[in-house]
Protein backbone atom coordinates (compact mmCIF):
# COMPACT_ATOMS: atom_id res chain seq x y z
CA MET A 1 87.47 88.07 101.55
CA ARG A 2 84.96 90.44 103.17
CA LYS A 3 85.49 88.73 106.52
CA ALA A 4 89.28 89.16 106.23
CA LEU A 5 88.90 92.85 105.38
CA ILE A 6 86.65 93.43 108.38
CA GLN A 7 89.09 91.58 110.65
CA GLY A 8 91.91 93.74 109.26
CA TRP A 9 90.01 96.93 110.06
CA GLN A 10 89.21 95.66 113.55
CA TYR A 11 92.91 94.96 114.13
CA ALA A 12 93.90 98.37 112.75
CA LEU A 13 91.42 100.10 115.08
CA LYS A 14 92.74 98.18 118.06
CA TYR A 15 96.44 98.81 117.26
CA PRO A 16 96.64 102.12 115.34
CA ASP A 17 100.25 102.93 116.25
CA GLU A 18 101.41 99.54 115.02
CA ILE A 19 99.64 100.07 111.70
CA VAL A 20 101.14 103.53 111.24
CA SER A 21 104.62 102.07 111.90
CA LEU A 22 103.92 99.22 109.48
CA ILE A 23 102.95 101.66 106.73
CA LEU A 24 106.08 103.73 107.30
CA ASP A 25 108.40 100.70 107.49
CA LYS A 26 107.06 98.48 104.71
CA TYR A 27 105.34 100.72 102.18
CA GLN A 28 106.40 103.79 100.26
CA SER A 29 104.04 106.34 101.72
CA ASN A 30 104.20 109.99 100.77
CA LYS A 31 102.87 110.79 104.26
CA ASP A 32 104.85 111.20 107.45
CA LEU A 33 104.15 109.96 110.98
CA MET A 34 102.02 112.99 111.87
CA ALA A 35 99.84 112.74 108.75
CA LEU A 36 99.26 109.00 109.17
CA GLY A 37 98.52 109.53 112.87
CA PHE A 38 95.95 112.17 111.98
CA GLU A 39 94.29 109.86 109.46
CA SER A 40 94.24 107.08 112.03
CA GLN A 41 92.51 109.33 114.58
CA VAL A 42 89.89 110.49 112.09
CA ILE A 43 89.16 106.98 110.85
CA THR A 44 88.92 105.72 114.43
CA GLN A 45 86.40 108.47 115.25
CA LEU A 46 84.37 107.70 112.14
CA LEU A 47 84.24 103.98 112.88
CA ALA A 48 84.04 104.06 116.66
CA ASN A 49 80.52 105.43 116.96
CA ASP A 50 78.99 101.96 116.45
CA VAL A 51 76.27 103.43 114.24
CA VAL A 52 77.52 101.70 111.11
CA ASP A 53 79.17 98.29 110.95
CA ILE A 54 82.62 98.05 109.40
CA GLY A 55 82.10 97.07 105.77
CA PHE A 56 78.80 98.91 105.29
CA MET A 57 78.90 101.09 102.17
CA SER A 58 76.84 104.17 101.42
CA VAL A 59 77.39 107.37 99.50
CA ASN A 60 76.78 109.46 102.63
CA ARG A 61 79.42 107.50 104.54
CA TRP A 62 81.99 108.09 101.78
CA ARG A 63 81.16 111.80 101.78
CA GLN A 64 81.77 111.90 105.55
CA ILE A 65 85.13 110.21 105.08
CA ASP A 66 86.05 112.57 102.25
CA ASP A 67 85.15 115.59 104.35
CA ALA A 68 86.95 114.36 107.45
CA LEU A 69 90.19 113.39 105.73
CA ALA A 70 90.50 115.88 102.91
CA HIS A 71 88.89 119.08 104.04
CA ARG A 72 89.96 119.16 107.68
CA SER A 73 93.43 117.68 107.36
CA PRO A 74 96.24 120.07 108.31
CA TYR A 75 98.56 117.71 106.41
CA LEU A 76 96.93 117.92 102.99
CA ASP A 77 97.72 120.73 100.58
CA LEU A 78 94.51 120.96 98.56
CA GLU A 79 96.16 123.22 95.97
CA GLN A 80 98.58 120.42 95.03
CA THR A 81 96.20 117.52 95.48
CA GLN A 82 93.20 116.77 93.32
CA LEU A 83 90.64 114.63 95.10
CA LEU A 84 89.54 111.71 92.97
CA LEU A 85 86.51 110.59 94.92
CA THR A 86 83.40 110.34 92.82
CA PHE A 87 80.11 109.07 94.06
CA ASP A 88 78.48 107.84 90.82
CA ILE A 89 79.19 104.17 91.66
CA PHE A 90 76.28 104.12 94.12
């Protein structure tokens, strides 16, 4: 299963526009094209630096993702959204 997840992420990084279209066409997302495109760009930047392999888990990595997606997103209204990320599982 881990191998399949990593392959899925590799595909998503290679074809981000296709994945955004897939999400909009097949799933009920509460996000629009611009918001999903923003998330795609941020995730690509976080994973493209080759410092950490896809699939590696650490509390610091999750904090980076939380900061990048939640606190800098122009598409997220923090007053209406309560972030549910907790880091006690590490």
